[in-house]
Amino acid sequence: MKRQALTLMAATLCAAATANVTLPSIFSDHMVLEQQTRVRVWGWAKPFEKVSVSPSWTDSVYTAMPASNARWSVEIATPEAGGPHTMTVSGYTSISISDILVGEVWMCSGQSNMEWSMGAGFEGSDEAIASARQPEIRFFNVDYRAADTPQFDATGRWCVVSPETVGASSAIGYFIAERLHGTLGVPVGIINSSWGGTPIEAWTDPAAYAVCDYLREQNRLIADAEWGPVRPGLIYNAMLAPLGGYRVAGVAWYQGEHNVSNPSAYTDMMYPLVDGFRRLFGAGADIPFVFAQIAPYNYGPGTAGAEVRECQRLALQIPNTAMVVLSDLADTANIHPRFKRQAGQRFADAILAKAYGRADSPLMGPIFRSLEVRGAKAYVSFDHAEGLCCRGKALDWFEISADGQTFVLAKAVISGEQVVVSSPKVKRPVAVRFGWSNVAMPNLFNGAGLPASCFNSVYQ
């Protein structure tokens, strides 16, 4: 008996000494890789243990030697969309990954409206789940984690979409994937890294806050919360940084509700956020970043919700971005609008237009461009104004000002691709604002059926 125990112990120690090749969770069965690019594969092994990576779609074998910290990585070329493929990673031992698809991979991130799962309930959720037989759509759902320093692995697993598995996945992420797959005809992988009730700061590389007093001061305006971390980088370190290097086609971001405590800083915080995502998942390239403008909701007194939306509009100055306006899909008494299918499809349309150049997919609704004053009238021009129209008897939520501070309700009339705004109370206007309320659900749309973003011309 003693001899058997010693033999078992020796075998265990021997296995521990040689079973050194390991991979992060994201490299596993059913994964999706970005097509026709160079993707990074990495892991850990003993120093001086030669590691080989052999994908089934090529005769090439990629090799690496672990560094002194046991980490290794290789870049491999991916083919056109297709599969299933396999991949073998070998050192002293081997790991085989099966059922790999190659197609388009998108990162979906944010707080609760992006996290909101198919199984959590929304308008038409039962039918959507029942019809979700999509073997070429895969999800990697990142588990909740927070950390003070960048971590090495983010736990999660790839799931093939079916009625049995889709319930735990992001509803908006699913409808993005469904439309991309149906339009592009290629496999789609969604990495869902979301956490409800969290501010933008927690998703941002903390290096930006370490060097900027203004950003740190703004973050102090947010109170600690029981449901999730609020300080800079705590989620970035644990739920984004460990995945850095996994190439994606772009990012879909839906967040902002938690930042009504410091709304004026949101544009400034978007720059380091977008930069962090692009460095992690786009190798520094300006990969498309498509974000939602938060929906109307009764946050209480003041206009903090409108201020966040305005700062999100101003973030369109960041190159290769697009914004999804959801003002007509809201329930001002529910911070989680129930029209997830429509929201996801708008995301997908913006992605198809921005990332894939699809002219048949509408990019955005009307976005304020400029203001011209002629006498007592203000002429507002928009981008994406083709087919400008009013859904109702008269345009609402337009206000005009003689000093840029005090605004009064105004008459607004569509004239071609402009809106003419006036009020007998303002003889010499200098500014116009639109939808400037937490609960504003305006009725100005373009010909594609997309609503106009709120704006305040004072901020241009």
Protein backbone atom coordinates (compact mmCIF):
# COMPACT_ATOMS: atom_id res chain seq x y z
CA MET A 1 0.00 0.00 0.00
CA LYS A 2 2.86 2.32 0.94
CA ARG A 3 4.64 1.46 -2.32
CA GLN A 4 1.47 2.28 -4.33
CA ALA A 5 1.20 5.66 -2.59
CA LEU A 6 4.84 6.46 -3.37
CA THR A 7 4.36 5.42 -6.99
CA LEU A 8 1.27 7.64 -7.32
CA MET A 9 3.11 10.57 -5.73
CA ALA A 10 6.05 10.12 -8.10
CA ALA A 11 3.72 10.06 -11.11
CA THR A 12 1.97 13.19 -9.92
CA LEU A 13 5.24 15.04 -9.42
CA CYS A 14 6.44 13.90 -12.84
CA ALA A 15 3.25 15.16 -14.48
CA ALA A 16 3.58 18.49 -12.69
CA ALA A 17 7.15 18.80 -13.92
CA THR A 18 6.19 18.31 -17.56
CA ALA A 19 2.58 19.52 -17.92
CA ASN A 20 3.62 23.11 -18.36
CA VAL A 21 1.92 24.41 -21.49
CA THR A 22 -1.22 26.32 -20.52
CA LEU A 23 -3.49 28.73 -22.33
CA PRO A 24 -5.79 31.54 -21.19
CA SER A 25 -9.48 30.69 -21.06
CA ILE A 26 -10.29 32.50 -24.28
CA PHE A 27 -8.30 29.94 -26.31
CA SER A 28 -10.66 27.00 -26.08
CA ASP A 29 -13.08 24.85 -28.04
CA HIS A 30 -15.71 26.73 -30.11
CA MET A 31 -13.71 29.98 -30.23
CA VAL A 32 -13.94 32.43 -33.13
CA LEU A 33 -10.87 34.12 -34.58
CA GLU A 34 -10.82 37.30 -36.66
CA GLN A 35 -10.44 36.48 -40.34
CA GLN A 36 -7.63 37.46 -42.74
CA THR A 37 -5.36 39.09 -40.23
CA ARG A 38 -2.58 38.21 -37.82
CA VAL A 39 -3.85 37.13 -34.43
CA ARG A 40 -1.80 36.62 -31.31
CA VAL A 41 -1.86 33.32 -29.45
CA TRP A 42 -0.21 33.24 -26.05
CA GLY A 43 0.13 31.24 -22.90
CA TRP A 44 2.63 29.96 -20.37
CA ALA A 45 5.25 27.23 -20.25
CA LYS A 46 8.58 26.52 -18.60
CA PRO A 47 11.42 28.83 -19.65
CA PHE A 48 13.40 27.20 -22.50
CA GLU A 49 10.47 24.88 -23.26
CA LYS A 50 9.98 25.26 -26.99
CA VAL A 51 6.30 25.82 -27.79
CA SER A 52 4.74 25.07 -31.19
CA VAL A 53 1.37 26.25 -32.45
CA SER A 54 -0.11 24.30 -35.38
CA PRO A 55 -3.40 25.54 -36.90
CA SER A 56 -5.20 23.11 -39.20
CA TRP A 57 -5.75 25.69 -41.94
CA THR A 58 -2.06 25.90 -42.83
CA ASP A 59 1.06 23.73 -42.98
CA SER A 60 2.95 26.45 -41.12
CA VAL A 61 4.07 25.76 -37.56
CA TYR A 62 4.63 28.78 -35.33
CA THR A 63 7.19 28.46 -32.55
CA ALA A 64 8.06 30.45 -29.47
CA MET A 65 10.37 30.22 -26.48
CA PRO A 66 8.91 31.27 -23.12
CA ALA A 67 10.49 34.24 -21.40
CA SER A 68 11.82 34.12 -17.86
CA ASN A 69 8.29 34.88 -16.60
CA ALA A 70 7.06 31.72 -18.39
CA ARG A 71 4.98 33.72 -20.91
CA TRP A 72 5.15 33.05 -24.63
CA SER A 73 3.27 34.35 -27.67
CA VAL A 74 3.15 33.94 -31.42
CA GLU A 75 1.36 35.73 -34.23
CA ILE A 76 -0.44 33.51 -36.68
CA ALA A 77 -2.09 34.35 -39.98
CA THR A 78 -5.80 33.55 -40.24
CA PRO A 79 -7.58 32.53 -43.44
CA GLU A 80 -10.87 33.65 -44.94
CA ALA A 81 -13.98 33.03 -42.92
CA GLY A 82 -14.88 29.41 -42.43
CA GLY A 83 -14.25 26.32 -40.39
CA PRO A 84 -14.45 24.33 -38.26
CA HIS A 85 -10.71 24.20 -37.70
CA THR A 86 -8.43 22.83 -35.01
CA MET A 87 -5.28 24.06 -33.35
CA THR A 88 -2.61 22.15 -31.44
CA VAL A 89 -0.30 23.82 -28.95
CA SER A 90 2.65 21.66 -27.99
CA GLY A 91 5.54 21.81 -25.56
CA TYR A 92 6.39 18.97 -23.20
CA THR A 93 2.67 18.25 -23.45
CA SER A 94 -0.01 19.15 -25.98
CA ILE A 95 -3.32 21.00 -25.91
CA SER A 96 -5.82 20.49 -28.73
CA ILE A 97 -8.53 23.05 -29.49
CA SER A 98 -11.41 21.96 -31.71
CA ASP A 99 -14.41 23.49 -33.49
CA ILE A 100 -12.64 26.80 -34.20
CA LEU A 101 -14.44 29.17 -36.57
CA VAL A 102 -12.87 32.08 -38.41
CA GLY A 103 -15.00 35.15 -39.10
CA GLU A 104 -15.74 38.47 -37.44
CA VAL A 105 -15.14 39.07 -33.73
CA TRP A 106 -16.65 42.00 -31.81
CA MET A 107 -16.11 43.14 -28.25
CA CYS A 108 -19.31 44.15 -26.44
CA SER A 109 -18.82 46.02 -23.19
CA GLY A 110 -20.43 48.43 -20.76
CA GLN A 111 -22.85 48.34 -17.88
CA SER A 112 -26.26 46.75 -17.34
CA ASN A 113 -27.95 47.58 -20.65
CA MET A 114 -25.15 45.81 -22.52
CA GLU A 115 -24.98 43.03 -19.95
CA TRP A 116 -28.78 42.51 -19.99
CA SER A 117 -29.11 38.90 -20.98
CA MET A 118 -31.44 37.14 -23.37
CA GLY A 119 -32.89 35.29 -20.41
CA ALA A 120 -33.52 38.41 -18.32
CA GLY A 121 -36.65 39.33 -20.27
CA PHE A 122 -37.45 42.04 -22.80
CA GLU A 123 -39.94 42.71 -25.57
CA GLY A 124 -40.08 39.50 -27.64
CA SER A 125 -37.45 37.64 -25.62
CA ASP A 126 -39.23 34.27 -25.56
CA GLU A 127 -39.52 34.14 -29.34
CA ALA A 128 -35.92 35.30 -29.79
CA ILE A 129 -34.58 32.58 -27.50
CA ALA A 130 -36.68 29.85 -29.13
CA SER A 131 -35.34 30.74 -32.59
CA ALA A 132 -31.71 31.18 -31.53
CA ARG A 133 -30.30 28.18 -33.38
CA GLN A 134 -27.13 29.81 -34.66
CA PRO A 135 -24.15 27.42 -34.61
CA GLU A 136 -21.99 30.01 -36.38
CA ILE A 137 -22.54 32.58 -33.61
CA ARG A 138 -20.41 32.09 -30.50
CA PHE A 139 -20.20 34.00 -27.21
CA PHE A 140 -17.38 34.36 -24.72
CA ASN A 141 -18.91 35.77 -21.54
CA VAL A 142 -16.29 37.20 -19.17
CA ASP A 143 -16.90 36.52 -15.49
CA TYR A 144 -17.02 39.37 -12.96
CA ARG A 145 -13.58 40.25 -11.64
CA ALA A 146 -11.87 43.37 -10.29
CA ALA A 147 -8.19 43.93 -9.53
CA ASP A 148 -5.75 46.65 -8.52
CA THR A 149 -3.17 45.49 -11.08
CA PRO A 150 -3.43 43.94 -14.57
CA GLN A 151 -4.24 40.24 -14.43
CA PHE A 152 -3.07 37.39 -16.65
CA ASP A 153 -6.32 35.57 -17.39
CA ALA A 154 -10.03 36.38 -17.53
CA THR A 155 -12.28 33.45 -16.79
CA GLY A 156 -15.09 32.53 -19.13
CA ARG A 157 -15.88 30.06 -21.88
CA TRP A 158 -16.98 30.00 -25.49
CA CYS A 159 -20.56 28.85 -26.08
CA VAL A 160 -22.25 27.93 -29.34
CA VAL A 161 -25.55 29.80 -29.57
CA SER A 162 -28.65 27.67 -29.15
CA PRO A 163 -31.93 28.07 -27.26
CA GLU A 164 -30.29 26.16 -24.40
CA THR A 165 -27.19 28.37 -24.12
CA VAL A 166 -28.15 31.85 -25.30
CA GLY A 167 -30.03 32.85 -22.15
CA ALA A 168 -26.85 33.92 -20.34
CA SER A 169 -25.55 36.07 -23.20
CA SER A 170 -25.99 39.78 -23.85
CA ALA A 171 -29.26 40.48 -25.68
CA ILE A 172 -27.82 43.45 -27.55
CA GLY A 173 -24.70 41.42 -28.32
CA TYR A 174 -26.85 38.62 -29.71
CA PHE A 175 -28.87 40.89 -31.99
CA ILE A 176 -25.65 42.51 -33.21
CA ALA A 177 -24.26 39.08 -34.05
CA GLU A 178 -27.49 37.87 -35.63
CA ARG A 179 -27.60 40.77 -38.07
CA LEU A 180 -23.87 40.68 -38.85
CA HIS A 181 -24.05 36.96 -39.53
CA GLY A 182 -27.13 37.31 -41.69
CA THR A 183 -25.70 40.20 -43.69
CA LEU A 184 -22.05 39.22 -44.02
CA GLY A 185 -22.61 35.48 -44.19
CA VAL A 186 -19.64 34.65 -41.94
CA PRO A 187 -19.25 33.26 -38.41
CA VAL A 188 -19.47 35.87 -35.66
CA GLY A 189 -17.86 35.79 -32.23
CA ILE A 190 -18.95 38.11 -29.43
CA ILE A 191 -16.76 38.74 -26.40
CA ASN A 192 -19.10 40.10 -23.76
CA SER A 193 -17.29 41.89 -20.94
CA SER A 194 -19.94 43.88 -19.08
CA TRP A 195 -20.88 44.72 -15.49
CA GLY A 196 -24.07 46.48 -14.45
CA GLY A 197 -23.95 49.64 -12.39
CA THR A 198 -20.33 50.52 -13.18
CA PRO A 199 -18.92 53.87 -14.38
CA ILE A 200 -16.68 54.48 -17.36
CA GLU A 201 -13.66 55.03 -15.11
CA ALA A 202 -13.59 51.41 -13.92
CA TRP A 203 -13.26 50.25 -17.57
CA THR A 204 -10.40 52.61 -18.40
CA ASP A 205 -6.66 52.07 -18.24
CA PRO A 206 -5.79 53.67 -14.88
CA ALA A 207 -2.63 55.20 -16.35
CA ALA A 208 -4.76 58.05 -17.74
CA TYR A 209 -6.05 58.89 -14.26
CA ALA A 210 -2.59 58.64 -12.72
CA VAL A 211 -1.40 61.62 -14.79
CA CYS A 212 -4.57 63.77 -14.90
CA ASP A 213 -5.75 65.65 -11.80
CA TYR A 214 -9.01 66.64 -13.50
CA LEU A 215 -10.04 63.05 -14.21
CA ARG A 216 -9.17 61.96 -10.67
CA GLU A 217 -11.21 64.83 -9.20
CA GLN A 218 -14.18 63.94 -11.37
CA ASN A 219 -14.01 60.30 -10.32
CA ARG A 220 -14.24 61.36 -6.66
CA LEU A 221 -17.75 62.64 -7.40
CA ILE A 222 -18.93 59.04 -7.76
CA ALA A 223 -19.81 57.33 -4.50
CA ASP A 224 -18.68 53.79 -3.77
CA ALA A 225 -21.34 51.24 -4.67
CA GLU A 226 -22.17 47.81 -3.29
CA TRP A 227 -22.93 46.33 -6.70
CA GLY A 228 -19.61 47.00 -8.41
CA PRO A 229 -16.28 48.84 -8.48
CA VAL A 230 -16.20 52.54 -9.39
CA ARG A 231 -12.51 53.48 -9.22
CA PRO A 232 -10.26 53.80 -12.29
CA GLY A 233 -8.99 50.61 -13.84
CA LEU A 234 -10.45 48.08 -11.41
CA ILE A 235 -12.47 46.30 -14.09
CA TYR A 236 -10.04 47.13 -16.89
CA ASN A 237 -7.31 45.26 -15.02
CA ALA A 238 -9.34 42.08 -14.56
CA MET A 239 -11.87 41.88 -17.41
CA LEU A 240 -10.13 43.61 -20.34
CA ALA A 241 -6.34 43.67 -19.89
CA PRO A 242 -6.03 39.84 -19.62
CA LEU A 243 -7.64 39.52 -23.06
CA GLY A 244 -5.36 42.11 -24.66
CA GLY A 245 -3.98 40.82 -27.93
CA TYR A 246 -7.08 38.87 -28.94
CA ARG A 247 -7.85 40.65 -32.18
CA VAL A 248 -11.36 41.99 -32.77
CA ALA A 249 -12.96 43.84 -35.66
CA GLY A 250 -14.30 46.56 -33.37
CA VAL A 251 -15.99 47.49 -30.11
CA ALA A 252 -19.66 48.05 -29.19
CA TRP A 253 -20.02 50.10 -25.99
CA TYR A 254 -23.20 50.82 -24.01
CA GLN A 255 -22.57 52.68 -20.76
CA GLY A 256 -23.11 56.09 -19.19
CA GLU A 257 -26.04 55.80 -16.82
CA HIS A 258 -23.76 55.52 -13.80
CA ASN A 259 -21.91 58.71 -14.78
CA VAL A 260 -24.81 61.08 -14.11
CA SER A 261 -22.80 61.94 -10.96
CA ASN A 262 -20.08 63.57 -13.09
CA PRO A 263 -21.68 64.16 -16.51
CA SER A 264 -19.54 67.08 -17.70
CA ALA A 265 -16.40 64.93 -17.79
CA TYR A 266 -17.78 62.13 -19.95
CA THR A 267 -16.29 63.33 -23.25
CA ASP A 268 -12.87 63.69 -21.66
CA MET A 269 -13.18 60.19 -20.21
CA MET A 270 -14.16 58.68 -23.56
CA TYR A 271 -10.76 59.46 -25.10
CA PRO A 272 -8.67 57.24 -22.78
CA LEU A 273 -11.40 54.59 -22.76
CA VAL A 274 -11.40 54.25 -26.55
CA ASP A 275 -7.62 54.40 -26.68
CA GLY A 276 -7.38 51.57 -24.14
CA PHE A 277 -9.71 49.30 -26.10
CA ARG A 278 -7.84 50.01 -29.32
CA ARG A 279 -4.44 49.27 -27.81
CA LEU A 280 -5.67 46.03 -26.29
CA PHE A 281 -7.74 44.61 -29.14
CA GLY A 282 -6.69 46.46 -32.29
CA ALA A 283 -2.91 46.49 -31.90
CA GLY A 284 -3.11 50.27 -31.60
CA ALA A 285 -5.09 50.74 -34.82
CA ASP A 286 -8.21 52.92 -34.87
CA ILE A 287 -10.62 49.98 -34.98
CA PRO A 288 -14.28 51.05 -35.15
CA PHE A 289 -15.82 52.02 -31.81
CA VAL A 290 -19.62 52.17 -31.85
CA PHE A 291 -21.34 53.41 -28.71
CA ALA A 292 -24.88 53.98 -27.50
CA GLN A 293 -26.18 57.31 -26.32
CA ILE A 294 -27.98 56.55 -23.07
CA ALA A 295 -31.75 56.43 -23.31
CA PRO A 296 -34.05 58.94 -21.57
CA TYR A 297 -34.73 58.13 -17.93
CA ASN A 298 -36.02 60.02 -14.92
CA TYR A 299 -32.82 60.56 -12.95
CA GLY A 300 -34.55 63.13 -10.77
CA PRO A 301 -34.07 66.92 -10.65
CA GLY A 302 -31.64 68.53 -13.07
CA THR A 303 -30.47 67.57 -16.54
CA ALA A 304 -27.59 65.19 -15.82
CA GLY A 305 -28.95 62.58 -18.23
CA ALA A 306 -29.08 65.09 -21.08
CA GLU A 307 -25.59 66.29 -20.18
CA VAL A 308 -24.20 62.77 -20.46
CA ARG A 309 -25.94 62.37 -23.82
CA GLU A 310 -24.46 65.65 -25.02
CA CYS A 311 -20.98 64.60 -23.95
CA GLN A 312 -21.48 61.34 -25.81
CA ARG A 313 -22.42 63.31 -28.93
CA LEU A 314 -19.26 65.37 -28.57
CA ALA A 315 -17.23 62.15 -28.33
CA LEU A 316 -17.99 61.61 -32.03
CA GLN A 317 -14.93 63.82 -32.54
CA ILE A 318 -12.89 60.69 -31.79
CA PRO A 319 -11.88 59.17 -35.16
CA ASN A 320 -13.76 56.14 -36.50
CA THR A 321 -16.62 56.25 -34.02
CA ALA A 322 -20.39 56.13 -34.40
CA MET A 323 -23.24 56.70 -31.96
CA VAL A 324 -26.51 54.79 -31.61
CA VAL A 325 -29.37 57.04 -30.45
CA LEU A 326 -32.12 55.24 -28.50
CA SER A 327 -34.39 58.10 -27.45
CA ASP A 328 -37.49 56.58 -29.08
CA LEU A 329 -36.95 53.14 -27.54
CA ALA A 330 -37.02 54.33 -23.94
CA ASP A 331 -39.24 53.96 -20.93
CA THR A 332 -38.47 56.97 -18.74
CA ALA A 333 -39.51 55.00 -15.65
CA ASN A 334 -37.18 52.07 -16.44
CA ILE A 335 -33.44 52.51 -16.77
CA HIS A 336 -33.38 49.23 -18.72
CA PRO A 337 -35.42 49.81 -21.91
CA ARG A 338 -37.16 46.65 -23.04
CA PHE A 339 -36.61 47.06 -26.80
CA LYS A 340 -33.30 45.19 -26.88
CA ARG A 341 -33.82 43.72 -30.34
CA GLN A 342 -34.27 47.15 -31.91
CA ALA A 343 -31.32 48.56 -29.98
CA GLY A 344 -29.09 45.67 -31.05
CA GLN A 345 -30.16 46.00 -34.66
CA ARG A 346 -29.33 49.73 -34.62
CA PHE A 347 -25.91 48.85 -33.26
CA ALA A 348 -25.51 46.30 -36.04
CA ASP A 349 -26.58 48.74 -38.76
CA ALA A 350 -24.09 51.32 -37.50
CA ILE A 351 -21.38 48.64 -37.40
CA LEU A 352 -22.18 47.47 -40.93
CA ALA A 353 -21.99 51.04 -42.21
CA LYS A 354 -18.92 52.13 -40.22
CA ALA A 355 -16.81 48.97 -40.21
CA TYR A 356 -17.88 47.25 -43.42
CA GLY A 357 -18.90 50.15 -45.67
CA ARG A 358 -22.43 48.89 -46.24
CA ALA A 359 -24.29 51.75 -47.91
CA ASP A 360 -27.61 49.97 -47.35
CA SER A 361 -27.22 50.16 -43.56
CA PRO A 362 -28.06 53.46 -41.88
CA LEU A 363 -25.21 54.81 -39.79
CA MET A 364 -26.83 57.38 -37.49
CA GLY A 365 -29.78 59.67 -37.00
CA PRO A 366 -29.51 63.47 -37.42
CA ILE A 367 -26.48 64.87 -35.58
CA PHE A 368 -26.16 68.62 -34.94
CA ARG A 369 -23.57 70.22 -37.23
CA SER A 370 -23.95 74.00 -37.13
CA LEU A 371 -26.15 76.97 -36.29
CA GLU A 372 -26.69 80.03 -38.46
CA VAL A 373 -28.67 83.04 -37.23
CA ARG A 374 -30.60 85.23 -39.68
CA GLY A 375 -32.46 87.98 -37.93
CA ALA A 376 -34.76 86.47 -35.33
CA LYS A 377 -34.50 82.93 -36.71
CA ALA A 378 -31.90 80.23 -36.06
CA TYR A 379 -31.18 77.72 -38.83
CA VAL A 380 -29.94 74.37 -37.53
CA SER A 381 -28.03 72.05 -39.87
CA PHE A 382 -27.46 68.35 -39.28
CA ASP A 383 -25.32 65.52 -40.52
CA HIS A 384 -27.28 62.42 -41.58
CA ALA A 385 -30.30 64.64 -42.30
CA GLU A 386 -31.53 62.97 -45.50
CA GLY A 387 -35.32 62.74 -45.34
CA LEU A 388 -35.59 64.89 -42.21
CA CYS A 389 -39.11 64.49 -40.84
CA CYS A 390 -41.37 64.95 -37.84
CA ARG A 391 -43.30 62.10 -36.23
CA GLY A 392 -46.24 64.09 -35.00
CA LYS A 393 -48.07 67.34 -35.72
CA ALA A 394 -45.17 69.61 -34.79
CA LEU A 395 -41.54 69.31 -33.72
CA ASP A 396 -40.99 69.31 -29.98
CA TRP A 397 -38.18 69.82 -27.46
CA PHE A 398 -36.55 72.78 -29.28
CA GLU A 399 -35.51 75.78 -27.19
CA ILE A 400 -33.86 79.06 -28.12
CA SER A 401 -31.76 81.57 -26.20
CA ALA A 402 -30.62 85.18 -26.47
CA ASP A 403 -27.63 84.71 -24.16
CA GLY A 404 -26.71 80.99 -24.27
CA GLN A 405 -27.85 80.49 -20.67
CA THR A 406 -31.58 81.11 -20.40
CA PHE A 407 -33.65 79.14 -22.89
CA VAL A 408 -37.34 79.33 -23.82
CA LEU A 409 -39.53 76.90 -25.73
CA ALA A 410 -39.45 77.60 -29.44
CA LYS A 411 -41.32 76.92 -32.64
CA ALA A 412 -39.37 74.61 -34.95
CA VAL A 413 -40.13 73.92 -38.62
CA ILE A 414 -38.34 71.59 -41.03
CA SER A 415 -36.97 73.28 -44.15
CA GLY A 416 -35.27 70.74 -46.40
CA GLU A 417 -32.42 69.30 -44.31
CA GLN A 418 -32.50 72.12 -41.78
CA VAL A 419 -34.73 73.04 -38.85
CA VAL A 420 -35.71 76.71 -38.48
CA VAL A 421 -36.17 77.71 -34.83
CA SER A 422 -37.73 80.89 -33.47
CA SER A 423 -39.68 82.45 -30.60
CA PRO A 424 -41.36 85.85 -30.23
CA LYS A 425 -39.59 86.05 -26.85
CA VAL A 426 -36.12 86.01 -28.46
CA LYS A 427 -35.41 88.71 -31.02
CA ARG A 428 -31.69 88.03 -31.44
CA PRO A 429 -30.95 84.35 -30.84
CA VAL A 430 -27.44 83.09 -30.14
CA ALA A 431 -28.08 79.47 -29.20
CA VAL A 432 -30.49 76.55 -29.66
CA ARG A 433 -30.80 73.39 -27.67
CA PHE A 434 -32.83 70.26 -28.35
CA GLY A 435 -34.01 67.41 -26.17
CA TRP A 436 -32.47 69.05 -23.11
CA SER A 437 -34.19 66.99 -20.42
CA ASN A 438 -33.52 63.71 -18.68
CA VAL A 439 -36.81 62.35 -20.06
CA ALA A 440 -36.91 63.96 -23.52
CA MET A 441 -38.18 61.66 -26.29
CA PRO A 442 -38.17 64.04 -29.29
CA ASN A 443 -39.94 63.41 -32.58
CA LEU A 444 -37.29 64.54 -35.11
CA PHE A 445 -36.09 61.68 -37.35
CA ASN A 446 -34.33 61.14 -40.66
CA GLY A 447 -35.53 59.13 -43.63
CA ALA A 448 -33.91 55.97 -42.27
CA GLY A 449 -36.22 56.15 -39.27
CA LEU A 450 -33.46 57.05 -36.82
CA PRO A 451 -34.02 59.72 -34.13
CA ALA A 452 -31.99 62.89 -33.82
CA SER A 453 -29.49 63.28 -31.01
CA CYS A 454 -30.07 65.94 -28.38
CA PHE A 455 -27.68 68.91 -28.53
CA ASN A 456 -26.84 72.30 -27.11
CA SER A 457 -25.27 74.58 -29.72
CA VAL A 458 -23.32 76.36 -26.97
CA TYR A 459 -21.03 73.31 -26.88
CA GLN A 460 -20.87 72.88 -30.67
